[in-house]
């Protein structure tokens, strides 16, 4: 039995200060991106040239990527993004690494990139998002096109490390 007088009601402790200094808004958090290097299983990689409508760095060549949606597995996200961007089915999906990407100083964008190697059938590949990409091409890993996206080298280093006998490919 509670013996407190009604005017002495038990009150919860004061809330701790909010991490944003008290404004009530949520602190920024990094997004999660599934980044994929598509290959044909015979040594070639698929790259896309970013078009004028790309989010950043138009005119450069890059591998594919897309956001992980709520409730989605990594593999489901990768398969969906490969279909959306390249009109192809992901035949094999292999997780090859994780990157913590911070852009800008001070940081203006932050995401966690889970990196995948994805085998696709070259005969199925086509541009699925013409508002983002204006050209696709198959390249030998030691002869990529130029210019490359600013994040490509670190992603490609993970791809290269996951492929047996590929140590001499594209320098970092």
N, C-alpha and C. Protein backbone atom coordinates (compact mmCIF):
# COMPACT_ATOMS: atom_id res chain seq x y z
N UNK A 1 0.85 -1.18 0.00
CA UNK A 1 0.00 0.00 0.00
C UNK A 1 0.88 1.23 0.00
N UNK A 2 0.55 2.17 -0.87
CA UNK A 2 1.32 3.39 -0.98
C UNK A 2 0.86 4.34 0.11
N UNK A 3 1.81 4.78 0.94
CA UNK A 3 1.45 5.65 2.05
C UNK A 3 1.64 7.12 1.72
N UNK A 4 1.98 7.44 0.49
CA UNK A 4 2.19 8.84 0.14
C UNK A 4 0.87 9.59 0.16
N UNK A 5 0.90 10.75 0.69
CA UNK A 5 -0.25 11.63 0.70
C UNK A 5 -0.51 12.07 -0.74
N UNK A 6 -1.76 12.27 -1.16
CA UNK A 6 -2.04 12.66 -2.54
C UNK A 6 -1.23 13.86 -3.01
N UNK A 7 -0.94 14.80 -2.13
CA UNK A 7 -0.16 15.97 -2.54
C UNK A 7 1.32 15.63 -2.66
N UNK A 8 1.71 14.44 -2.21
CA UNK A 8 3.11 14.01 -2.29
C UNK A 8 3.25 12.88 -3.33
N UNK A 9 2.52 12.95 -4.42
CA UNK A 9 2.54 11.90 -5.44
C UNK A 9 3.97 11.67 -5.92
N UNK A 10 4.25 10.41 -6.17
CA UNK A 10 5.58 10.05 -6.67
C UNK A 10 5.69 10.51 -8.11
N UNK A 11 6.76 11.21 -8.41
CA UNK A 11 6.99 11.71 -9.77
C UNK A 11 8.21 11.04 -10.36
N UNK A 12 8.17 10.78 -11.65
CA UNK A 12 9.36 10.20 -12.28
C UNK A 12 10.49 11.20 -12.25
N UNK A 13 11.73 10.70 -12.30
CA UNK A 13 12.86 11.62 -12.31
C UNK A 13 12.83 12.49 -13.56
N UNK A 14 13.45 13.64 -13.48
CA UNK A 14 13.51 14.55 -14.63
C UNK A 14 14.21 13.84 -15.79
N UNK A 15 13.72 14.10 -16.97
CA UNK A 15 14.31 13.47 -18.16
C UNK A 15 15.73 13.99 -18.37
N UNK A 16 16.57 13.12 -18.88
CA UNK A 16 17.94 13.53 -19.21
C UNK A 16 17.89 14.50 -20.38
N UNK A 17 18.88 15.40 -20.46
CA UNK A 17 18.90 16.35 -21.59
C UNK A 17 18.96 15.60 -22.91
N UNK A 18 18.31 16.14 -23.90
CA UNK A 18 18.33 15.54 -25.23
C UNK A 18 19.70 15.72 -25.87
N UNK A 19 20.14 14.76 -26.68
CA UNK A 19 21.46 14.86 -27.31
C UNK A 19 21.58 16.03 -28.28
N UNK A 20 20.46 16.57 -28.73
CA UNK A 20 20.51 17.69 -29.66
C UNK A 20 20.48 19.04 -28.94
N UNK A 21 20.64 19.03 -27.61
CA UNK A 21 20.64 20.27 -26.85
C UNK A 21 19.25 20.72 -26.44
N UNK A 22 18.25 19.87 -26.58
CA UNK A 22 16.93 20.21 -26.08
C UNK A 22 15.91 20.60 -27.13
N UNK A 23 16.22 20.51 -28.40
CA UNK A 23 15.26 20.94 -29.41
C UNK A 23 14.20 19.90 -29.69
N UNK A 24 14.44 18.65 -29.27
CA UNK A 24 13.46 17.60 -29.50
C UNK A 24 13.62 16.90 -30.84
N UNK A 25 14.50 17.40 -31.71
CA UNK A 25 14.70 16.71 -33.00
C UNK A 25 15.69 15.58 -32.79
N UNK A 26 15.62 14.61 -33.67
CA UNK A 26 16.52 13.46 -33.57
C UNK A 26 17.90 13.83 -34.10
N UNK A 27 18.94 13.30 -33.47
CA UNK A 27 20.28 13.55 -34.00
C UNK A 27 20.42 12.87 -35.35
N UNK A 28 21.31 13.40 -36.19
CA UNK A 28 21.54 12.79 -37.48
C UNK A 28 22.11 11.40 -37.29
N UNK A 29 21.78 10.51 -38.22
CA UNK A 29 22.29 9.14 -38.19
C UNK A 29 22.73 8.78 -39.60
N UNK A 30 23.75 7.95 -39.74
CA UNK A 30 24.17 7.54 -41.08
C UNK A 30 23.12 6.65 -41.72
N UNK A 31 23.02 6.72 -43.03
CA UNK A 31 22.15 5.81 -43.76
C UNK A 31 22.94 4.55 -44.11
N UNK A 32 22.25 3.51 -44.54
CA UNK A 32 22.91 2.26 -44.93
C UNK A 32 22.71 2.08 -46.43
N UNK A 33 23.81 1.87 -47.12
CA UNK A 33 23.78 1.70 -48.56
C UNK A 33 24.34 0.34 -48.94
N UNK A 34 23.73 -0.31 -49.91
CA UNK A 34 24.26 -1.56 -50.47
C UNK A 34 24.97 -1.18 -51.77
N UNK A 35 26.27 -1.35 -51.78
CA UNK A 35 27.10 -1.01 -52.94
C UNK A 35 27.51 -2.32 -53.59
N UNK A 36 27.42 -2.39 -54.92
CA UNK A 36 27.72 -3.65 -55.58
C UNK A 36 28.59 -3.44 -56.81
N UNK A 37 29.56 -4.35 -56.94
CA UNK A 37 30.38 -4.41 -58.14
C UNK A 37 29.87 -5.62 -58.92
N UNK A 38 29.22 -5.36 -60.04
CA UNK A 38 28.72 -6.46 -60.87
C UNK A 38 29.84 -6.97 -61.76
N UNK A 39 29.85 -8.28 -61.95
CA UNK A 39 30.86 -8.92 -62.81
C UNK A 39 30.18 -10.02 -63.60
N UNK A 40 30.89 -10.48 -64.64
CA UNK A 40 30.32 -11.51 -65.51
C UNK A 40 30.80 -12.91 -65.17
N UNK A 41 31.61 -13.06 -64.12
CA UNK A 41 32.14 -14.36 -63.74
C UNK A 41 33.33 -14.79 -64.57
N UNK A 42 33.72 -13.95 -65.54
CA UNK A 42 34.86 -14.27 -66.41
C UNK A 42 35.91 -13.17 -66.38
N UNK A 43 35.83 -12.30 -65.37
CA UNK A 43 36.87 -11.29 -65.19
C UNK A 43 36.50 -9.87 -65.53
N UNK A 44 35.35 -9.65 -66.15
CA UNK A 44 34.98 -8.27 -66.48
C UNK A 44 34.04 -7.69 -65.42
N UNK A 45 34.12 -6.37 -65.24
CA UNK A 45 33.23 -5.67 -64.31
C UNK A 45 32.33 -4.72 -65.09
N UNK A 46 31.15 -4.50 -64.56
CA UNK A 46 30.17 -3.60 -65.16
C UNK A 46 30.21 -2.27 -64.43
N UNK A 47 30.38 -1.19 -65.19
CA UNK A 47 30.35 0.14 -64.61
C UNK A 47 29.34 1.00 -65.36
N UNK A 48 28.80 1.99 -64.66
CA UNK A 48 27.83 2.91 -65.24
C UNK A 48 28.38 4.33 -65.17
N UNK A 49 28.17 5.08 -66.26
CA UNK A 49 28.55 6.50 -66.22
C UNK A 49 27.36 7.29 -65.71
N UNK A 50 27.62 8.08 -64.69
CA UNK A 50 26.58 8.87 -64.04
C UNK A 50 26.16 10.02 -64.96
N UNK A 51 24.86 10.12 -65.17
CA UNK A 51 24.32 11.15 -66.05
C UNK A 51 24.09 12.47 -65.34
N UNK A 52 23.55 13.42 -66.09
CA UNK A 52 23.31 14.77 -65.56
C UNK A 52 22.35 14.77 -64.37
N UNK A 53 21.46 13.78 -64.28
CA UNK A 53 20.50 13.72 -63.18
C UNK A 53 20.98 12.95 -61.97
N UNK A 54 22.23 12.52 -61.98
CA UNK A 54 22.78 11.77 -60.85
C UNK A 54 22.85 12.64 -59.61
N UNK A 55 22.74 12.01 -58.44
CA UNK A 55 22.77 12.72 -57.15
C UNK A 55 24.07 13.51 -56.97
N UNK A 56 25.19 12.93 -57.43
CA UNK A 56 26.47 13.61 -57.30
C UNK A 56 27.41 13.13 -58.41
N UNK A 57 28.45 13.85 -58.64
CA UNK A 57 29.52 13.51 -59.56
C UNK A 57 29.05 13.04 -60.94
N UNK A 58 28.23 13.83 -61.64
CA UNK A 58 27.83 13.44 -63.00
C UNK A 58 29.06 13.34 -63.91
N UNK A 59 28.97 12.42 -64.87
CA UNK A 59 30.05 12.26 -65.84
C UNK A 59 31.14 11.28 -65.44
N UNK A 60 31.06 10.74 -64.24
CA UNK A 60 32.08 9.78 -63.79
C UNK A 60 31.52 8.37 -63.81
N UNK A 61 32.41 7.39 -63.86
CA UNK A 61 32.03 5.98 -63.89
C UNK A 61 32.02 5.43 -62.47
N UNK A 62 31.07 4.55 -62.20
CA UNK A 62 30.92 4.00 -60.86
C UNK A 62 30.23 2.64 -60.92
N UNK A 63 30.33 1.93 -59.82
CA UNK A 63 29.58 0.69 -59.66
C UNK A 63 28.19 1.05 -59.16
N UNK A 64 27.35 0.08 -58.91
CA UNK A 64 25.98 0.33 -58.49
C UNK A 64 25.83 0.47 -56.99
N UNK A 65 24.72 1.08 -56.57
CA UNK A 65 24.44 1.24 -55.15
C UNK A 65 23.00 1.65 -54.94
N UNK A 66 22.51 1.40 -53.73
CA UNK A 66 21.18 1.84 -53.37
C UNK A 66 20.95 1.68 -51.88
N UNK A 67 19.97 2.38 -51.40
CA UNK A 67 19.67 2.37 -49.97
C UNK A 67 19.02 1.07 -49.54
N UNK A 68 19.37 0.63 -48.35
CA UNK A 68 18.70 -0.49 -47.70
C UNK A 68 17.38 0.05 -47.17
N UNK A 69 16.28 -0.59 -47.54
CA UNK A 69 14.97 -0.15 -47.07
C UNK A 69 14.61 -0.87 -45.78
N UNK A 70 13.77 -0.24 -44.99
CA UNK A 70 13.35 -0.80 -43.70
C UNK A 70 12.76 -2.19 -43.90
N UNK A 71 13.23 -3.15 -43.11
CA UNK A 71 12.72 -4.51 -43.14
C UNK A 71 13.31 -5.38 -44.23
N UNK A 72 14.24 -4.87 -45.01
CA UNK A 72 14.81 -5.60 -46.14
C UNK A 72 16.12 -6.25 -45.75
N UNK A 73 16.37 -7.46 -46.24
CA UNK A 73 17.69 -8.08 -46.04
C UNK A 73 18.66 -7.43 -47.02
N UNK A 74 19.95 -7.57 -46.75
CA UNK A 74 20.95 -7.03 -47.67
C UNK A 74 20.79 -7.65 -49.05
N UNK A 75 20.62 -8.97 -49.10
CA UNK A 75 20.52 -9.66 -50.38
C UNK A 75 19.30 -9.21 -51.17
N UNK A 76 18.19 -9.01 -50.49
CA UNK A 76 16.98 -8.54 -51.17
C UNK A 76 17.20 -7.14 -51.72
N UNK A 77 17.85 -6.28 -50.94
CA UNK A 77 18.13 -4.92 -51.40
C UNK A 77 19.04 -4.92 -52.62
N UNK A 78 20.09 -5.74 -52.58
CA UNK A 78 21.03 -5.80 -53.70
C UNK A 78 20.31 -6.32 -54.95
N UNK A 79 19.55 -7.40 -54.82
CA UNK A 79 18.84 -7.94 -55.98
C UNK A 79 17.87 -6.91 -56.56
N UNK A 80 17.17 -6.19 -55.71
CA UNK A 80 16.24 -5.15 -56.16
C UNK A 80 16.98 -4.04 -56.89
N UNK A 81 18.07 -3.57 -56.31
CA UNK A 81 18.84 -2.48 -56.92
C UNK A 81 19.46 -2.89 -58.25
N UNK A 82 19.97 -4.12 -58.36
CA UNK A 82 20.55 -4.60 -59.62
C UNK A 82 19.46 -4.62 -60.70
N UNK A 83 18.26 -5.09 -60.35
CA UNK A 83 17.15 -5.08 -61.30
C UNK A 83 16.79 -3.65 -61.71
N UNK A 84 16.70 -2.75 -60.73
CA UNK A 84 16.33 -1.36 -61.02
C UNK A 84 17.36 -0.67 -61.89
N UNK A 85 18.64 -0.79 -61.55
CA UNK A 85 19.69 -0.05 -62.24
C UNK A 85 20.11 -0.70 -63.55
N UNK A 86 20.15 -2.05 -63.59
CA UNK A 86 20.73 -2.75 -64.74
C UNK A 86 19.78 -3.72 -65.43
N UNK A 87 18.52 -3.79 -65.01
CA UNK A 87 17.52 -4.67 -65.64
C UNK A 87 17.94 -6.14 -65.64
N UNK A 88 18.79 -6.54 -64.72
CA UNK A 88 19.31 -7.91 -64.69
C UNK A 88 19.04 -8.55 -63.34
N UNK A 89 19.01 -9.88 -63.36
CA UNK A 89 18.87 -10.63 -62.11
C UNK A 89 20.26 -10.86 -61.51
N UNK A 90 20.35 -10.77 -60.21
CA UNK A 90 21.60 -11.09 -59.50
C UNK A 90 21.70 -12.61 -59.42
N UNK A 91 22.68 -13.19 -60.11
CA UNK A 91 22.84 -14.64 -60.14
C UNK A 91 23.58 -15.16 -58.92
N UNK A 92 24.54 -14.40 -58.43
CA UNK A 92 25.28 -14.72 -57.19
C UNK A 92 25.55 -13.41 -56.48
N UNK A 93 25.36 -13.41 -55.16
CA UNK A 93 25.62 -12.23 -54.34
C UNK A 93 26.58 -12.64 -53.23
N UNK A 94 27.71 -11.95 -53.15
CA UNK A 94 28.72 -12.24 -52.13
C UNK A 94 29.05 -10.96 -51.36
N UNK A 95 28.93 -11.01 -50.05
CA UNK A 95 29.31 -9.87 -49.22
C UNK A 95 30.83 -9.82 -49.14
N UNK A 96 31.41 -8.65 -49.47
CA UNK A 96 32.88 -8.57 -49.51
C UNK A 96 33.47 -7.52 -48.58
N UNK A 97 32.65 -6.73 -47.90
CA UNK A 97 33.22 -5.77 -46.97
C UNK A 97 32.22 -4.71 -46.53
N UNK A 98 32.70 -3.84 -45.66
CA UNK A 98 31.91 -2.73 -45.13
C UNK A 98 32.80 -1.51 -45.08
N UNK A 99 32.24 -0.37 -45.45
CA UNK A 99 32.96 0.90 -45.38
C UNK A 99 32.13 1.91 -44.60
N UNK A 100 32.81 2.74 -43.82
CA UNK A 100 32.18 3.86 -43.14
C UNK A 100 32.57 5.09 -43.96
N UNK A 101 31.61 5.67 -44.68
CA UNK A 101 31.91 6.74 -45.62
C UNK A 101 31.51 8.08 -45.03
N UNK A 102 32.51 8.94 -44.88
CA UNK A 102 32.30 10.30 -44.39
C UNK A 102 32.75 11.25 -45.50
N UNK A 103 31.86 12.12 -45.96
CA UNK A 103 32.21 13.05 -47.03
C UNK A 103 32.15 14.47 -46.50
N UNK A 104 33.17 15.22 -46.82
CA UNK A 104 33.23 16.64 -46.46
C UNK A 104 33.98 16.87 -45.17
N UNK A 105 34.42 18.10 -45.00
CA UNK A 105 35.10 18.52 -43.78
C UNK A 105 34.68 19.95 -43.49
N UNK A 106 33.68 20.16 -42.64
CA UNK A 106 33.05 19.17 -41.77
C UNK A 106 32.18 18.21 -42.57
N UNK A 107 31.85 17.10 -41.94
CA UNK A 107 31.08 16.04 -42.60
C UNK A 107 29.72 16.57 -43.05
N UNK A 108 29.44 16.38 -44.35
CA UNK A 108 28.15 16.79 -44.91
C UNK A 108 27.29 15.60 -45.27
N UNK A 109 27.90 14.43 -45.43
CA UNK A 109 27.12 13.22 -45.64
C UNK A 109 27.87 12.04 -45.03
N UNK A 110 27.10 11.09 -44.52
CA UNK A 110 27.68 9.94 -43.82
C UNK A 110 26.80 8.74 -44.09
N UNK A 111 27.42 7.67 -44.56
CA UNK A 111 26.67 6.43 -44.74
C UNK A 111 27.57 5.24 -44.48
N UNK A 112 26.93 4.13 -44.16
CA UNK A 112 27.61 2.86 -44.01
C UNK A 112 27.35 2.10 -45.30
N UNK A 113 28.42 1.73 -45.98
CA UNK A 113 28.31 1.02 -47.25
C UNK A 113 28.67 -0.44 -47.04
N UNK A 114 27.71 -1.32 -47.26
CA UNK A 114 27.97 -2.76 -47.24
C UNK A 114 28.23 -3.13 -48.70
N UNK A 115 29.40 -3.72 -48.94
CA UNK A 115 29.88 -3.93 -50.31
C UNK A 115 29.66 -5.39 -50.75
N UNK A 116 29.20 -5.56 -51.99
CA UNK A 116 28.90 -6.89 -52.53
C UNK A 116 29.53 -7.06 -53.91
N UNK A 117 29.90 -8.30 -54.22
CA UNK A 117 30.26 -8.71 -55.57
C UNK A 117 29.04 -9.45 -56.09
N UNK A 118 28.58 -9.09 -57.28
CA UNK A 118 27.36 -9.66 -57.83
C UNK A 118 27.61 -10.14 -59.25
N UNK A 119 27.36 -11.42 -59.49
CA UNK A 119 27.49 -11.94 -60.85
C UNK A 119 26.16 -11.76 -61.56
N UNK A 120 26.23 -11.22 -62.78
CA UNK A 120 25.05 -11.03 -63.62
C UNK A 120 25.34 -11.58 -65.01
N UNK A 121 24.29 -11.83 -65.76
CA UNK A 121 24.40 -12.25 -67.15
C UNK A 121 24.54 -11.01 -68.02
N UNK A 122 25.67 -10.84 -68.72
CA UNK A 122 25.86 -9.65 -69.55
C UNK A 122 24.76 -9.45 -70.59
N UNK A 123 24.15 -10.55 -71.04
CA UNK A 123 23.09 -10.45 -72.03
C UNK A 123 21.81 -9.81 -71.52
N UNK A 124 21.63 -9.74 -70.20
CA UNK A 124 20.44 -9.13 -69.61
C UNK A 124 20.62 -7.64 -69.31
N UNK A 125 21.85 -7.18 -69.26
CA UNK A 125 22.15 -5.84 -68.75
C UNK A 125 21.70 -4.73 -69.70
N UNK A 126 21.00 -3.76 -69.13
CA UNK A 126 20.57 -2.56 -69.84
C UNK A 126 20.41 -1.44 -68.82
N UNK A 127 20.39 -0.22 -69.28
CA UNK A 127 20.20 0.91 -68.36
C UNK A 127 18.75 0.91 -67.89
N UNK A 128 18.56 0.75 -66.60
CA UNK A 128 17.23 0.73 -66.02
C UNK A 128 16.81 2.07 -65.44
N UNK A 129 17.77 2.95 -65.21
CA UNK A 129 17.47 4.27 -64.64
C UNK A 129 18.17 5.34 -65.48
N UNK A 130 17.58 5.65 -66.66
CA UNK A 130 18.23 6.61 -67.56
C UNK A 130 18.33 8.02 -66.99
N UNK A 131 17.56 8.32 -65.96
CA UNK A 131 17.68 9.62 -65.31
C UNK A 131 18.93 9.71 -64.43
N UNK A 132 19.56 8.56 -64.13
CA UNK A 132 20.77 8.53 -63.31
C UNK A 132 22.02 8.17 -64.10
N UNK A 133 21.86 7.31 -65.12
CA UNK A 133 23.01 6.80 -65.88
C UNK A 133 22.80 7.05 -67.36
N UNK A 134 23.90 7.37 -68.06
CA UNK A 134 23.77 7.57 -69.50
C UNK A 134 24.57 6.57 -70.33
N UNK A 135 25.35 5.71 -69.67
CA UNK A 135 26.09 4.69 -70.40
C UNK A 135 26.51 3.56 -69.45
N UNK A 136 26.52 2.34 -69.97
CA UNK A 136 27.02 1.17 -69.24
C UNK A 136 28.16 0.59 -70.06
N UNK A 137 29.11 -0.04 -69.36
CA UNK A 137 30.20 -0.69 -70.08
C UNK A 137 30.81 -1.81 -69.26
N UNK A 138 31.33 -2.82 -69.98
CA UNK A 138 32.06 -3.93 -69.37
C UNK A 138 33.54 -3.64 -69.52
N UNK A 139 34.29 -3.78 -68.43
CA UNK A 139 35.70 -3.42 -68.44
C UNK A 139 36.54 -4.49 -67.76
N UNK A 140 37.77 -4.62 -68.25
CA UNK A 140 38.74 -5.45 -67.53
C UNK A 140 39.09 -4.67 -66.27
N UNK A 141 39.22 -5.33 -65.13
CA UNK A 141 39.50 -4.62 -63.89
C UNK A 141 40.79 -3.79 -63.90
N UNK A 142 41.75 -4.17 -64.74
CA UNK A 142 42.99 -3.40 -64.80
C UNK A 142 42.94 -2.31 -65.86
N UNK A 143 41.78 -2.11 -66.50
CA UNK A 143 41.64 -1.07 -67.52
C UNK A 143 40.28 -0.37 -67.39
N UNK A 144 40.02 0.24 -66.23
CA UNK A 144 38.72 0.91 -66.05
C UNK A 144 38.69 2.22 -66.85
N UNK A 145 37.51 2.72 -67.11
CA UNK A 145 37.38 4.01 -67.79
C UNK A 145 37.73 5.15 -66.85
N UNK A 146 37.85 6.34 -67.39
CA UNK A 146 38.10 7.53 -66.57
C UNK A 146 37.08 8.59 -66.98
N UNK A 147 36.74 9.47 -66.07
CA UNK A 147 37.13 9.48 -64.66
C UNK A 147 36.25 8.54 -63.83
N UNK A 148 36.77 8.15 -62.68
CA UNK A 148 36.04 7.27 -61.76
C UNK A 148 35.47 8.08 -60.59
N UNK A 149 34.36 7.60 -60.05
CA UNK A 149 33.73 8.23 -58.88
C UNK A 149 34.71 8.27 -57.72
N UNK A 150 34.61 9.29 -56.90
CA UNK A 150 35.55 9.49 -55.78
C UNK A 150 35.55 8.34 -54.78
N UNK A 151 34.47 7.58 -54.70
CA UNK A 151 34.39 6.48 -53.74
C UNK A 151 34.75 5.12 -54.36
N UNK A 152 34.99 5.09 -55.67
CA UNK A 152 35.19 3.82 -56.35
C UNK A 152 36.45 3.08 -55.92
N UNK A 153 37.56 3.75 -55.78
CA UNK A 153 38.84 3.07 -55.50
C UNK A 153 38.78 2.23 -54.24
N UNK A 154 38.23 2.78 -53.17
CA UNK A 154 38.16 2.02 -51.91
C UNK A 154 37.19 0.84 -52.03
N UNK A 155 36.09 1.05 -52.72
CA UNK A 155 35.15 -0.05 -52.94
C UNK A 155 35.79 -1.13 -53.81
N UNK A 156 36.46 -0.71 -54.88
CA UNK A 156 37.07 -1.67 -55.78
C UNK A 156 38.20 -2.44 -55.11
N UNK A 157 38.90 -1.81 -54.15
CA UNK A 157 39.96 -2.52 -53.41
C UNK A 157 39.36 -3.72 -52.67
N UNK A 158 38.17 -3.59 -52.13
CA UNK A 158 37.50 -4.71 -51.46
C UNK A 158 37.12 -5.79 -52.47
N UNK A 159 36.64 -5.38 -53.63
CA UNK A 159 36.30 -6.34 -54.69
C UNK A 159 37.55 -7.10 -55.12
N UNK A 160 38.61 -6.37 -55.37
CA UNK A 160 39.87 -6.97 -55.81
C UNK A 160 40.39 -7.96 -54.78
N UNK A 161 40.32 -7.61 -53.50
CA UNK A 161 40.80 -8.49 -52.43
C UNK A 161 39.96 -9.77 -52.34
N UNK A 162 38.71 -9.70 -52.79
CA UNK A 162 37.84 -10.88 -52.70
C UNK A 162 38.02 -11.84 -53.87
N UNK A 163 38.75 -11.43 -54.89
CA UNK A 163 38.95 -12.24 -56.09
C UNK A 163 40.32 -12.89 -56.06
N UNK A 164 40.39 -14.20 -56.09
CA UNK A 164 41.70 -14.89 -56.11
C UNK A 164 42.53 -14.46 -57.32
N UNK A 165 43.80 -14.20 -57.08
CA UNK A 165 44.73 -13.86 -58.17
C UNK A 165 44.54 -12.48 -58.74
N UNK A 166 43.88 -11.58 -58.02
CA UNK A 166 43.64 -10.25 -58.57
C UNK A 166 44.51 -9.17 -57.95
N UNK A 167 45.55 -9.54 -57.25
CA UNK A 167 46.37 -8.55 -56.52
C UNK A 167 47.00 -7.52 -57.43
N UNK A 168 47.23 -7.83 -58.70
CA UNK A 168 47.89 -6.86 -59.59
C UNK A 168 46.93 -5.93 -60.31
N UNK A 169 45.63 -6.03 -60.04
CA UNK A 169 44.66 -5.20 -60.73
C UNK A 169 44.68 -3.78 -60.22
N UNK A 170 43.87 -2.95 -60.79
CA UNK A 170 43.76 -1.53 -60.52
C UNK A 170 44.47 -1.06 -59.26
N UNK A 171 45.49 -0.21 -59.37
CA UNK A 171 46.20 0.26 -58.18
C UNK A 171 45.29 1.15 -57.34
N UNK A 172 45.58 1.20 -56.06
CA UNK A 172 44.76 2.03 -55.15
C UNK A 172 45.16 3.47 -55.25
